[in-house]
Amino acid sequence: MNGKNILLAVSGGIAVYKAVALTSKLTQAGANVKVMMTRHAQEFVPPLSFQVLSRNDVYTDTFDEKDPAVVAHIDLADWADLVIVAPATANVIGKMANGIADDMVTTTILATEAPVWVAPAMNVHMMRHPAVVRNIERLYRDGVRFIEPEEGYLACGYVGRGRLEEPEKIVDHIHHFFQEEEKSLFGKRVLVTAGATREKIDPVRYLTNRSSGKMGFQVAEQALLRGAHVTVVTAVKNPLLPDQVEVVAVDSAEDMYQAVMERADKQDAFVMAAAVADYTPAHVSEQKMKKNAGR
């Protein structure tokens, strides 16, 4: 990541201290790091700590224009090769998901065209709250990527999922990301099958399995990152995939087979990750089958 411009957005949670370590490790790895802080983040760590470690000004106020020749939040948004929000509180995730731009951090994120990564850190119950889950899903569909929090002892006293990922691991993710930027699959077409098929018995019942499709979806996302045109054939309803992925919805194994074969001639690579049913009913009842005694 030598010479890459990384914009670190720090929001107000106890895990801010890890963002200080992250700034140091990114700088040591050769990245150019600039830091933005919300007002509440400054309650935990002063901007001076980030300024010393990044060797750059720290941005805390939308109206504090450090260079009169440019508009600060636009200049930062254009400068970044990657934006990382760490730690990301439920509050800042909610603002991002709903397009709210009421401070330096959220305004800059709304203006950037660089990839945006979010590293959540919050109480385990907050992490599971339907509003937070909904906001994360919305951001994911918008193209934002997430660095999953760890499980462990939290500052609030609970034990569970919600700890900010360790700085060393975040740096590894970033290093891997910039390696992938080489776009080794640029111009290639990749077709991926994912998830379980559903084999109808009657209008109500069907045979299936527990496959979630996650492995296939991850393969599809990685192929997309490497520049491929990606098609996913799946029976999973509303899969969490970037908008750039072409999704072909199917139900049965036969549907999946036909969808794949229709597109086979145009593909450069296939990844068959679907959990296709082993059996298909020979006859599908047009009406709900009634229970028979002894059967």
C-alpha atoms as a PDB file:
ATOM      1  CA  MET A   1       0.000   0.000   0.000  1.00  0.00           C
ATOM      2  CA  ASN A   2       3.043   2.229  -0.356  1.00  0.00           C
ATOM      3  CA  GLY A   3       1.958   5.687  -1.516  1.00  0.00           C
ATOM      4  CA  LYS A   4      -1.783   4.974  -1.257  1.00  0.00           C
ATOM      5  CA  ASN A   5      -4.015   7.698   0.176  1.00  0.00           C
ATOM      6  CA  ILE A   6      -6.142   6.423   3.050  1.00  0.00           C
ATOM      7  CA  LEU A   7      -8.750   8.621   4.695  1.00  0.00           C
ATOM      8  CA  LEU A   8      -9.617   7.438   8.203  1.00  0.00           C
ATOM      9  CA  ALA A   9     -12.961   8.597   9.612  1.00  0.00           C
ATOM     10  CA  VAL A  10     -13.133   8.223  13.388  1.00  0.00           C
ATOM     11  CA  SER A  11     -16.473   8.312  15.210  1.00  0.00           C
ATOM     12  CA  GLY A  12     -17.154   8.498  18.925  1.00  0.00           C
ATOM     13  CA  GLY A  13     -16.738   5.186  20.713  1.00  0.00           C
ATOM     14  CA  ILE A  14     -14.385   3.750  23.291  1.00  0.00           C
ATOM     15  CA  ALA A  15     -12.554   1.902  20.480  1.00  0.00           C
ATOM     16  CA  VAL A  16     -11.104   5.215  19.246  1.00  0.00           C
ATOM     17  CA  TYR A  17      -7.840   4.193  20.899  1.00  0.00           C
ATOM     18  CA  LYS A  18      -7.533   1.401  18.306  1.00  0.00           C
ATOM     19  CA  ALA A  19      -7.885   3.988  15.543  1.00  0.00           C
ATOM     20  CA  VAL A  20      -4.759   5.678  16.905  1.00  0.00           C
ATOM     21  CA  ALA A  21      -2.851   2.395  16.574  1.00  0.00           C
ATOM     22  CA  LEU A  22      -4.350   1.871  13.099  1.00  0.00           C
ATOM     23  CA  THR A  23      -3.080   5.289  11.994  1.00  0.00           C
ATOM     24  CA  SER A  24       0.407   4.418  13.190  1.00  0.00           C
ATOM     25  CA  LYS A  25       0.472   1.028  11.460  1.00  0.00           C
ATOM     26  CA  LEU A  26      -0.844   2.404   8.165  1.00  0.00           C
ATOM     27  CA  THR A  27       1.776   5.150   8.186  1.00  0.00           C
ATOM     28  CA  GLN A  28       4.516   2.605   8.934  1.00  0.00           C
ATOM     29  CA  ALA A  29       3.279   0.536   5.974  1.00  0.00           C
ATOM     30  CA  GLY A  30       3.926   3.473   3.659  1.00  0.00           C
ATOM     31  CA  ALA A  31       0.385   4.830   3.270  1.00  0.00           C
ATOM     32  CA  ASN A  32      -0.468   8.514   3.272  1.00  0.00           C
ATOM     33  CA  VAL A  33      -3.021   8.861   6.066  1.00  0.00           C
ATOM     34  CA  LYS A  34      -5.390  11.715   6.782  1.00  0.00           C
ATOM     35  CA  VAL A  35      -7.850  11.618   9.654  1.00  0.00           C
ATOM     36  CA  MET A  36     -11.328  13.058  10.167  1.00  0.00           C
ATOM     37  CA  MET A  37     -12.997  13.023  13.590  1.00  0.00           C
ATOM     38  CA  THR A  38     -16.535  13.514  14.786  1.00  0.00           C
ATOM     39  CA  ARG A  39     -17.168  15.791  17.767  1.00  0.00           C
ATOM     40  CA  HIS A  40     -17.770  12.813  20.053  1.00  0.00           C
ATOM     41  CA  ALA A  41     -14.592  11.050  18.909  1.00  0.00           C
ATOM     42  CA  GLN A  42     -12.645  14.014  20.248  1.00  0.00           C
ATOM     43  CA  GLU A  43     -14.059  13.310  23.716  1.00  0.00           C
ATOM     44  CA  PHE A  44     -12.010  10.092  23.797  1.00  0.00           C
ATOM     45  CA  VAL A  45      -8.765  11.075  22.033  1.00  0.00           C
ATOM     46  CA  PRO A  46      -7.523  14.566  21.103  1.00  0.00           C
ATOM     47  CA  PRO A  47      -6.859  15.335  17.418  1.00  0.00           C
ATOM     48  CA  LEU A  48      -3.215  16.002  18.228  1.00  0.00           C
ATOM     49  CA  SER A  49      -2.582  12.251  18.691  1.00  0.00           C
ATOM     50  CA  PHE A  50      -3.672  11.562  15.114  1.00  0.00           C
ATOM     51  CA  GLN A  51      -1.843  14.610  13.794  1.00  0.00           C
ATOM     52  CA  VAL A  52       1.468  13.439  15.254  1.00  0.00           C
ATOM     53  CA  LEU A  53       1.137   9.872  13.979  1.00  0.00           C
ATOM     54  CA  SER A  54      -0.198  10.715  10.509  1.00  0.00           C
ATOM     55  CA  ARG A  55       1.995  13.792  10.029  1.00  0.00           C
ATOM     56  CA  ASN A  56      -1.051  15.520   8.548  1.00  0.00           C
ATOM     57  CA  ASP A  57      -3.700  17.954   9.704  1.00  0.00           C
ATOM     58  CA  VAL A  58      -6.740  16.401  11.373  1.00  0.00           C
ATOM     59  CA  TYR A  59     -10.161  17.470  10.095  1.00  0.00           C
ATOM     60  CA  THR A  60     -12.893  18.021  12.683  1.00  0.00           C
ATOM     61  CA  ASP A  61     -15.089  20.844  11.378  1.00  0.00           C
ATOM     62  CA  THR A  62     -16.724  21.254   7.970  1.00  0.00           C
ATOM     63  CA  PHE A  63     -16.255  24.995   8.203  1.00  0.00           C
ATOM     64  CA  ASP A  64     -12.585  24.913   9.211  1.00  0.00           C
ATOM     65  CA  GLU A  65     -10.991  25.443   5.794  1.00  0.00           C
ATOM     66  CA  LYS A  66      -7.292  24.835   6.328  1.00  0.00           C
ATOM     67  CA  ASP A  67      -6.436  25.735   2.719  1.00  0.00           C
ATOM     68  CA  PRO A  68      -8.414  28.653   1.220  1.00  0.00           C
ATOM     69  CA  ALA A  69      -7.630  27.394  -2.283  1.00  0.00           C
ATOM     70  CA  VAL A  70      -9.838  24.305  -1.876  1.00  0.00           C
ATOM     71  CA  VAL A  71     -13.073  23.181  -0.209  1.00  0.00           C
ATOM     72  CA  ALA A  72     -11.824  20.840   2.500  1.00  0.00           C
ATOM     73  CA  HIS A  73     -14.404  18.061   2.379  1.00  0.00           C
ATOM     74  CA  ILE A  74     -14.367  17.911  -1.440  1.00  0.00           C
ATOM     75  CA  ASP A  75     -10.582  17.981  -1.535  1.00  0.00           C
ATOM     76  CA  LEU A  76     -10.387  15.111   0.972  1.00  0.00           C
ATOM     77  CA  ALA A  77     -13.074  13.136  -0.854  1.00  0.00           C
ATOM     78  CA  ASP A  78     -11.150  13.403  -4.137  1.00  0.00           C
ATOM     79  CA  TRP A  79      -7.771  12.729  -2.494  1.00  0.00           C
ATOM     80  CA  ALA A  80      -8.648   9.353  -0.979  1.00  0.00           C
ATOM     81  CA  ASP A  81      -7.928   5.988  -2.591  1.00  0.00           C
ATOM     82  CA  LEU A  82      -9.832   4.323   0.249  1.00  0.00           C
ATOM     83  CA  VAL A  83     -12.048   5.622   3.068  1.00  0.00           C
ATOM     84  CA  ILE A  84     -12.226   3.660   6.320  1.00  0.00           C
ATOM     85  CA  VAL A  85     -14.705   4.445   9.082  1.00  0.00           C
ATOM     86  CA  ALA A  86     -13.201   2.991  12.266  1.00  0.00           C
ATOM     87  CA  PRO A  87     -14.622   2.756  14.788  1.00  0.00           C
ATOM     88  CA  ALA A  88     -18.072   3.111  13.237  1.00  0.00           C
ATOM     89  CA  THR A  89     -20.811   3.694  15.795  1.00  0.00           C
ATOM     90  CA  ALA A  90     -24.484   2.880  15.276  1.00  0.00           C
ATOM     91  CA  ASN A  91     -25.049   6.624  14.957  1.00  0.00           C
ATOM     92  CA  VAL A  92     -22.625   7.206  12.094  1.00  0.00           C
ATOM     93  CA  ILE A  93     -23.776   4.031  10.322  1.00  0.00           C
ATOM     94  CA  GLY A  94     -27.343   5.316  10.527  1.00  0.00           C
ATOM     95  CA  LYS A  95     -26.351   8.696   9.112  1.00  0.00           C
ATOM     96  CA  MET A  96     -24.441   7.114   6.240  1.00  0.00           C
ATOM     97  CA  ALA A  97     -27.306   4.774   5.390  1.00  0.00           C
ATOM     98  CA  ASN A  98     -29.759   7.651   5.192  1.00  0.00           C
ATOM     99  CA  GLY A  99     -27.566  10.152   3.359  1.00  0.00           C
ATOM    100  CA  ILE A 100     -27.265  12.541   6.299  1.00  0.00           C
ATOM    101  CA  ALA A 101     -24.319  14.934   5.986  1.00  0.00           C
ATOM    102  CA  ASP A 102     -24.218  17.091   9.109  1.00  0.00           C
ATOM    103  CA  ASP A 103     -20.511  17.084  10.013  1.00  0.00           C
ATOM    104  CA  MET A 104     -17.077  16.764   8.436  1.00  0.00           C
ATOM    105  CA  VAL A 105     -17.094  12.952   8.445  1.00  0.00           C
ATOM    106  CA  THR A 106     -20.513  12.326   6.935  1.00  0.00           C
ATOM    107  CA  THR A 107     -20.259  15.195   4.446  1.00  0.00           C
ATOM    108  CA  THR A 108     -16.934  13.926   3.095  1.00  0.00           C
ATOM    109  CA  ILE A 109     -18.156  10.330   2.865  1.00  0.00           C
ATOM    110  CA  LEU A 110     -21.170  11.487   0.866  1.00  0.00           C
ATOM    111  CA  ALA A 111     -18.859  13.348  -1.547  1.00  0.00           C
ATOM    112  CA  THR A 112     -16.271  10.647  -2.187  1.00  0.00           C
ATOM    113  CA  GLU A 113     -16.161   8.207  -5.083  1.00  0.00           C
ATOM    114  CA  ALA A 114     -13.462   6.115  -3.390  1.00  0.00           C
ATOM    115  CA  PRO A 115     -14.334   2.704  -1.903  1.00  0.00           C
ATOM    116  CA  VAL A 116     -15.744   3.063   1.625  1.00  0.00           C
ATOM    117  CA  TRP A 117     -15.126   0.473   4.336  1.00  0.00           C
ATOM    118  CA  VAL A 118     -16.883   0.446   7.698  1.00  0.00           C
ATOM    119  CA  ALA A 119     -15.552  -1.222  10.847  1.00  0.00           C
ATOM    120  CA  PRO A 120     -18.416  -1.303  13.385  1.00  0.00           C
ATOM    121  CA  ALA A 121     -17.837  -1.172  17.124  1.00  0.00           C
ATOM    122  CA  MET A 122     -20.755  -1.155  19.555  1.00  0.00           C
ATOM    123  CA  ASN A 123     -22.648  -3.079  22.220  1.00  0.00           C
ATOM    124  CA  VAL A 124     -23.715  -6.581  21.178  1.00  0.00           C
ATOM    125  CA  HIS A 125     -27.429  -5.733  21.533  1.00  0.00           C
ATOM    126  CA  MET A 126     -27.011  -2.599  19.419  1.00  0.00           C
ATOM    127  CA  MET A 127     -25.236  -4.680  16.785  1.00  0.00           C
ATOM    128  CA  ARG A 128     -28.276  -6.959  16.550  1.00  0.00           C
ATOM    129  CA  HIS A 129     -30.904  -4.204  16.656  1.00  0.00           C
ATOM    130  CA  PRO A 130     -33.158  -4.318  13.564  1.00  0.00           C
ATOM    131  CA  ALA A 131     -32.441  -0.664  12.757  1.00  0.00           C
ATOM    132  CA  VAL A 132     -28.674  -1.248  12.758  1.00  0.00           C
ATOM    133  CA  VAL A 133     -29.018  -4.476  10.743  1.00  0.00           C
ATOM    134  CA  ARG A 134     -31.242  -2.642   8.255  1.00  0.00           C
ATOM    135  CA  ASN A 135     -28.778   0.248   7.904  1.00  0.00           C
ATOM    136  CA  ILE A 136     -25.848  -2.129   7.372  1.00  0.00           C
ATOM    137  CA  GLU A 137     -27.761  -4.011   4.681  1.00  0.00           C
ATOM    138  CA  ARG A 138     -28.662  -0.744   2.935  1.00  0.00           C
ATOM    139  CA  LEU A 139     -25.041   0.425   2.957  1.00  0.00           C
ATOM    140  CA  TYR A 140     -23.878  -2.959   1.664  1.00  0.00           C
ATOM    141  CA  ARG A 141     -26.257  -2.669  -1.269  1.00  0.00           C
ATOM    142  CA  ASP A 142     -24.867   0.823  -1.902  1.00  0.00           C
ATOM    143  CA  GLY A 143     -21.397  -0.700  -2.274  1.00  0.00           C
ATOM    144  CA  VAL A 144     -20.007  -0.051   1.215  1.00  0.00           C
ATOM    145  CA  ARG A 145     -17.954  -2.928   2.581  1.00  0.00           C
ATOM    146  CA  PHE A 146     -17.729  -4.015   6.227  1.00  0.00           C
ATOM    147  CA  ILE A 147     -14.893  -5.253   8.401  1.00  0.00           C
ATOM    148  CA  GLU A 148     -16.702  -7.620  10.731  1.00  0.00           C
ATOM    149  CA  PRO A 149     -16.355  -6.915  14.471  1.00  0.00           C
ATOM    150  CA  GLU A 150     -14.782  -9.470  16.758  1.00  0.00           C
ATOM    151  CA  GLU A 151     -16.408 -11.399  19.570  1.00  0.00           C
ATOM    152  CA  GLY A 152     -15.059 -10.832  23.057  1.00  0.00           C
ATOM    153  CA  TYR A 153     -15.267  -8.756  26.200  1.00  0.00           C
ATOM    154  CA  LEU A 154     -16.812  -5.337  25.497  1.00  0.00           C
ATOM    155  CA  ALA A 155     -16.231  -2.076  27.355  1.00  0.00           C
ATOM    156  CA  CYS A 156     -19.857  -2.111  28.543  1.00  0.00           C
ATOM    157  CA  GLY A 157     -19.210  -5.377  30.404  1.00  0.00           C
ATOM    158  CA  TYR A 158     -20.983  -7.678  27.962  1.00  0.00           C
ATOM    159  CA  VAL A 159     -19.279 -10.524  26.138  1.00  0.00           C
ATOM    160  CA  GLY A 160     -20.257 -10.886  22.469  1.00  0.00           C
ATOM    161  CA  ARG A 161     -19.858  -9.613  18.938  1.00  0.00           C
ATOM    162  CA  GLY A 162     -19.098  -5.908  18.758  1.00  0.00           C
ATOM    163  CA  ARG A 163     -15.375  -5.320  19.336  1.00  0.00           C
ATOM    164  CA  LEU A 164     -13.565  -3.336  16.692  1.00  0.00           C
ATOM    165  CA  GLU A 165     -11.294  -5.580  14.629  1.00  0.00           C
ATOM    166  CA  GLU A 166      -7.634  -5.383  15.665  1.00  0.00           C
ATOM    167  CA  PRO A 167      -5.566  -2.762  13.767  1.00  0.00           C
ATOM    168  CA  GLU A 168      -3.133  -5.396  12.477  1.00  0.00           C
ATOM    169  CA  LYS A 169      -5.951  -7.337  10.824  1.00  0.00           C
ATOM    170  CA  ILE A 170      -7.450  -4.182   9.312  1.00  0.00           C
ATOM    171  CA  VAL A 171      -4.063  -3.359   7.806  1.00  0.00           C
ATOM    172  CA  ASP A 172      -3.921  -6.886   6.342  1.00  0.00           C
ATOM    173  CA  HIS A 173      -7.359  -6.370   4.755  1.00  0.00           C
ATOM    174  CA  ILE A 174      -6.217  -3.079   3.226  1.00  0.00           C
ATOM    175  CA  HIS A 175      -2.979  -4.550   1.927  1.00  0.00           C
ATOM    176  CA  HIS A 176      -4.925  -7.397   0.324  1.00  0.00           C
ATOM    177  CA  PHE A 177      -7.401  -4.927  -1.199  1.00  0.00           C
ATOM    178  CA  PHE A 178      -4.733  -2.908  -2.957  1.00  0.00           C
ATOM    179  CA  GLN A 179      -3.147  -6.079  -4.298  1.00  0.00           C
ATOM    180  CA  GLU A 180      -6.524  -7.021  -5.776  1.00  0.00           C
ATOM    181  CA  GLU A 181      -6.709  -3.636  -7.479  1.00  0.00           C
ATOM    182  CA  GLU A 182      -4.557  -5.120 -10.202  1.00  0.00           C
ATOM    183  CA  LYS A 183      -7.831  -6.206 -11.852  1.00  0.00           C
ATOM    184  CA  SER A 184      -6.500  -9.560 -12.975  1.00  0.00           C
ATOM    185  CA  LEU A 185      -9.941 -10.524 -14.337  1.00  0.00           C
ATOM    186  CA  PHE A 186     -10.616  -7.294 -16.194  1.00  0.00           C
ATOM    187  CA  GLY A 187     -12.785  -7.938 -19.240  1.00  0.00           C
ATOM    188  CA  LYS A 188     -13.503 -11.542 -18.266  1.00  0.00           C
ATOM    189  CA  ARG A 189     -16.975 -12.971 -17.737  1.00  0.00           C
ATOM    190  CA  VAL A 190     -17.520 -15.197 -14.706  1.00  0.00           C
ATOM    191  CA  LEU A 191     -20.663 -17.149 -13.881  1.00  0.00           C
ATOM    192  CA  VAL A 192     -21.241 -18.342 -10.303  1.00  0.00           C
ATOM    193  CA  THR A 193     -23.998 -20.575  -8.959  1.00  0.00           C
ATOM    194  CA  ALA A 194     -24.857 -20.200  -5.285  1.00  0.00           C
ATOM    195  CA  GLY A 195     -27.231 -21.429  -2.617  1.00  0.00           C
ATOM    196  CA  ALA A 196     -29.769 -24.226  -2.400  1.00  0.00           C
ATOM    197  CA  THR A 197     -32.310 -25.112  -5.068  1.00  0.00           C
ATOM    198  CA  ARG A 198     -35.974 -25.751  -4.247  1.00  0.00           C
ATOM    199  CA  GLU A 199     -37.750 -28.755  -5.730  1.00  0.00           C
ATOM    200  CA  LYS A 200     -41.527 -28.406  -5.659  1.00  0.00           C
ATOM    201  CA  ILE A 201     -43.733 -31.161  -4.263  1.00  0.00           C
ATOM    202  CA  ASP A 202     -46.943 -29.145  -4.485  1.00  0.00           C
ATOM    203  CA  PRO A 203     -47.832 -25.399  -4.402  1.00  0.00           C
ATOM    204  CA  VAL A 204     -46.925 -25.245  -0.683  1.00  0.00           C
ATOM    205  CA  ARG A 205     -44.162 -27.787  -0.047  1.00  0.00           C
ATOM    206  CA  TYR A 206     -40.719 -28.244  -1.552  1.00  0.00           C
ATOM    207  CA  LEU A 207     -37.440 -30.075  -0.949  1.00  0.00           C
ATOM    208  CA  THR A 208     -34.352 -27.980  -0.201  1.00  0.00           C
ATOM    209  CA  ASN A 209     -31.295 -27.759   2.065  1.00  0.00           C
ATOM    210  CA  ARG A 210     -29.738 -25.218   4.417  1.00  0.00           C
ATOM    211  CA  SER A 211     -27.163 -23.731   2.046  1.00  0.00           C
ATOM    212  CA  SER A 212     -27.108 -19.927   2.406  1.00  0.00           C
ATOM    213  CA  GLY A 213     -25.099 -19.235  -0.742  1.00  0.00           C
ATOM    214  CA  LYS A 214     -22.501 -17.212   1.174  1.00  0.00           C
ATOM    215  CA  MET A 215     -19.498 -18.967  -0.364  1.00  0.00           C
ATOM    216  CA  GLY A 216     -20.747 -18.370  -3.907  1.00  0.00           C
ATOM    217  CA  PHE A 217     -21.585 -14.751  -3.126  1.00  0.00           C
ATOM    218  CA  GLN A 218     -18.076 -14.172  -1.734  1.00  0.00           C
ATOM    219  CA  VAL A 219     -16.543 -15.706  -4.860  1.00  0.00           C
ATOM    220  CA  ALA A 220     -18.717 -13.419  -6.992  1.00  0.00           C
ATOM    221  CA  GLU A 221     -17.681 -10.338  -5.042  1.00  0.00           C
ATOM    222  CA  GLN A 222     -13.999 -11.187  -5.293  1.00  0.00           C
ATOM    223  CA  ALA A 223     -14.308 -11.719  -9.055  1.00  0.00           C
ATOM    224  CA  LEU A 224     -16.029  -8.335  -9.310  1.00  0.00           C
ATOM    225  CA  LEU A 225     -13.196  -6.676  -7.365  1.00  0.00           C
ATOM    226  CA  ARG A 226     -10.741  -8.134  -9.869  1.00  0.00           C
ATOM    227  CA  GLY A 227     -12.599  -6.506 -12.749  1.00  0.00           C
ATOM    228  CA  ALA A 228     -14.794  -9.332 -14.042  1.00  0.00           C
ATOM    229  CA  HIS A 229     -18.345  -9.070 -15.316  1.00  0.00           C
ATOM    230  CA  VAL A 230     -20.092 -11.385 -12.868  1.00  0.00           C
ATOM    231  CA  THR A 231     -23.359 -13.302 -13.205  1.00  0.00           C
ATOM    232  CA  VAL A 232     -24.815 -15.131 -10.208  1.00  0.00           C
ATOM    233  CA  VAL A 233     -27.469 -17.808 -10.713  1.00  0.00           C
ATOM    234  CA  THR A 234     -29.204 -18.456  -7.411  1.00  0.00           C
ATOM    235  CA  ALA A 235     -32.446 -19.465  -5.742  1.00  0.00           C
ATOM    236  CA  VAL A 236     -31.651 -17.328  -2.680  1.00  0.00           C
ATOM    237  CA  LYS A 237     -34.148 -14.514  -2.392  1.00  0.00           C
ATOM    238  CA  ASN A 238     -32.742 -10.949  -2.250  1.00  0.00           C
ATOM    239  CA  PRO A 239     -29.051 -11.927  -2.036  1.00  0.00           C
ATOM    240  CA  LEU A 240     -26.736  -9.304  -0.561  1.00  0.00           C
ATOM    241  CA  LEU A 241     -24.641  -8.564  -3.628  1.00  0.00           C
ATOM    242  CA  PRO A 242     -23.301  -5.344  -5.161  1.00  0.00           C
ATOM    243  CA  ASP A 243     -25.555  -3.791  -7.789  1.00  0.00           C
ATOM    244  CA  GLN A 244     -22.876  -4.422 -10.446  1.00  0.00           C
ATOM    245  CA  VAL A 245     -23.437  -8.188 -10.178  1.00  0.00           C
ATOM    246  CA  GLU A 246     -26.033  -9.592 -12.574  1.00  0.00           C
ATOM    247  CA  VAL A 247     -28.375 -11.830 -10.553  1.00  0.00           C
ATOM    248  CA  VAL A 248     -30.445 -14.516 -12.287  1.00  0.00           C
ATOM    249  CA  ALA A 249     -33.208 -15.796  -9.991  1.00  0.00           C
ATOM    250  CA  VAL A 250     -34.164 -19.472 -10.257  1.00  0.00           C
ATOM    251  CA  ASP A 251     -35.955 -22.053  -8.127  1.00  0.00           C
ATOM    252  CA  SER A 252     -35.246 -25.654  -9.092  1.00  0.00           C
ATOM    253  CA  ALA A 253     -32.197 -27.574 -10.232  1.00  0.00           C
ATOM    254  CA  GLU A 254     -33.668 -27.682 -13.731  1.00  0.00           C
ATOM    255  CA  ASP A 255     -34.164 -23.893 -13.683  1.00  0.00           C
ATOM    256  CA  MET A 256     -30.543 -23.450 -12.643  1.00  0.00           C
ATOM    257  CA  TYR A 257     -29.320 -25.827 -15.341  1.00  0.00           C
ATOM    258  CA  GLN A 258     -31.247 -23.995 -18.057  1.00  0.00           C
ATOM    259  CA  ALA A 259     -30.072 -20.569 -16.834  1.00  0.00           C
ATOM    260  CA  VAL A 260     -26.423 -21.709 -16.837  1.00  0.00           C
ATOM    261  CA  MET A 261     -26.615 -23.364 -20.254  1.00  0.00           C
ATOM    262  CA  GLU A 262     -28.256 -20.307 -21.822  1.00  0.00           C
ATOM    263  CA  ARG A 263     -25.236 -18.237 -20.785  1.00  0.00           C
ATOM    264  CA  ALA A 264     -22.486 -20.850 -21.050  1.00  0.00           C
ATOM    265  CA  ASP A 265     -21.070 -19.812 -24.430  1.00  0.00           C
ATOM    266  CA  LYS A 266     -20.353 -16.268 -23.261  1.00  0.00           C
ATOM    267  CA  GLN A 267     -18.441 -17.141 -20.074  1.00  0.00           C
ATOM    268  CA  ASP A 268     -14.700 -17.306 -19.477  1.00  0.00           C
ATOM    269  CA  ALA A 269     -15.027 -19.108 -16.145  1.00  0.00           C
ATOM    270  CA  PHE A 270     -17.576 -21.012 -14.083  1.00  0.00           C
ATOM    271  CA  VAL A 271     -17.716 -21.485 -10.322  1.00  0.00           C
ATOM    272  CA  MET A 272     -20.365 -24.039  -9.384  1.00  0.00           C
ATOM    273  CA  ALA A 273     -20.881 -23.311  -5.689  1.00  0.00           C
ATOM    274  CA  ALA A 274     -24.610 -24.051  -5.513  1.00  0.00           C
ATOM    275  CA  ALA A 275     -25.965 -26.829  -3.295  1.00  0.00           C
ATOM    276  CA  VAL A 276     -28.138 -28.434  -5.948  1.00  0.00           C
ATOM    277  CA  ALA A 277     -30.841 -30.812  -4.734  1.00  0.00           C
ATOM    278  CA  ASP A 278     -30.034 -34.514  -5.064  1.00  0.00           C
ATOM    279  CA  TYR A 279     -33.636 -35.434  -5.801  1.00  0.00           C
ATOM    280  CA  THR A 280     -36.490 -33.939  -7.790  1.00  0.00           C
ATOM    281  CA  PRO A 281     -40.079 -35.184  -7.445  1.00  0.00           C
ATOM    282  CA  ALA A 282     -41.189 -37.112 -10.529  1.00  0.00           C
ATOM    283  CA  HIS A 283     -44.607 -35.484 -10.271  1.00  0.00           C
ATOM    284  CA  VAL A 284     -45.589 -32.063  -8.899  1.00  0.00           C
ATOM    285  CA  SER A 285     -49.120 -31.891  -7.572  1.00  0.00           C
ATOM    286  CA  GLU A 286     -51.145 -28.932  -8.790  1.00  0.00           C
ATOM    287  CA  GLN A 287     -52.943 -28.764  -5.441  1.00  0.00           C
ATOM    288  CA  LYS A 288     -51.758 -29.052  -1.869  1.00  0.00           C
ATOM    289  CA  MET A 289     -51.430 -32.732  -1.091  1.00  0.00           C
ATOM    290  CA  LYS A 290     -53.581 -33.974   1.749  1.00  0.00           C
ATOM    291  CA  LYS A 291     -52.248 -36.129   4.531  1.00  0.00           C
ATOM    292  CA  ASN A 292     -53.008 -39.831   4.192  1.00  0.00           C
ATOM    293  CA  ALA A 293     -53.295 -42.083   7.216  1.00  0.00           C
ATOM    294  CA  GLY A 294     -50.203 -44.215   7.656  1.00  0.00           C
ATOM    295  CA  ARG A 295     -48.153 -42.301   5.085  1.00  0.00           C
END
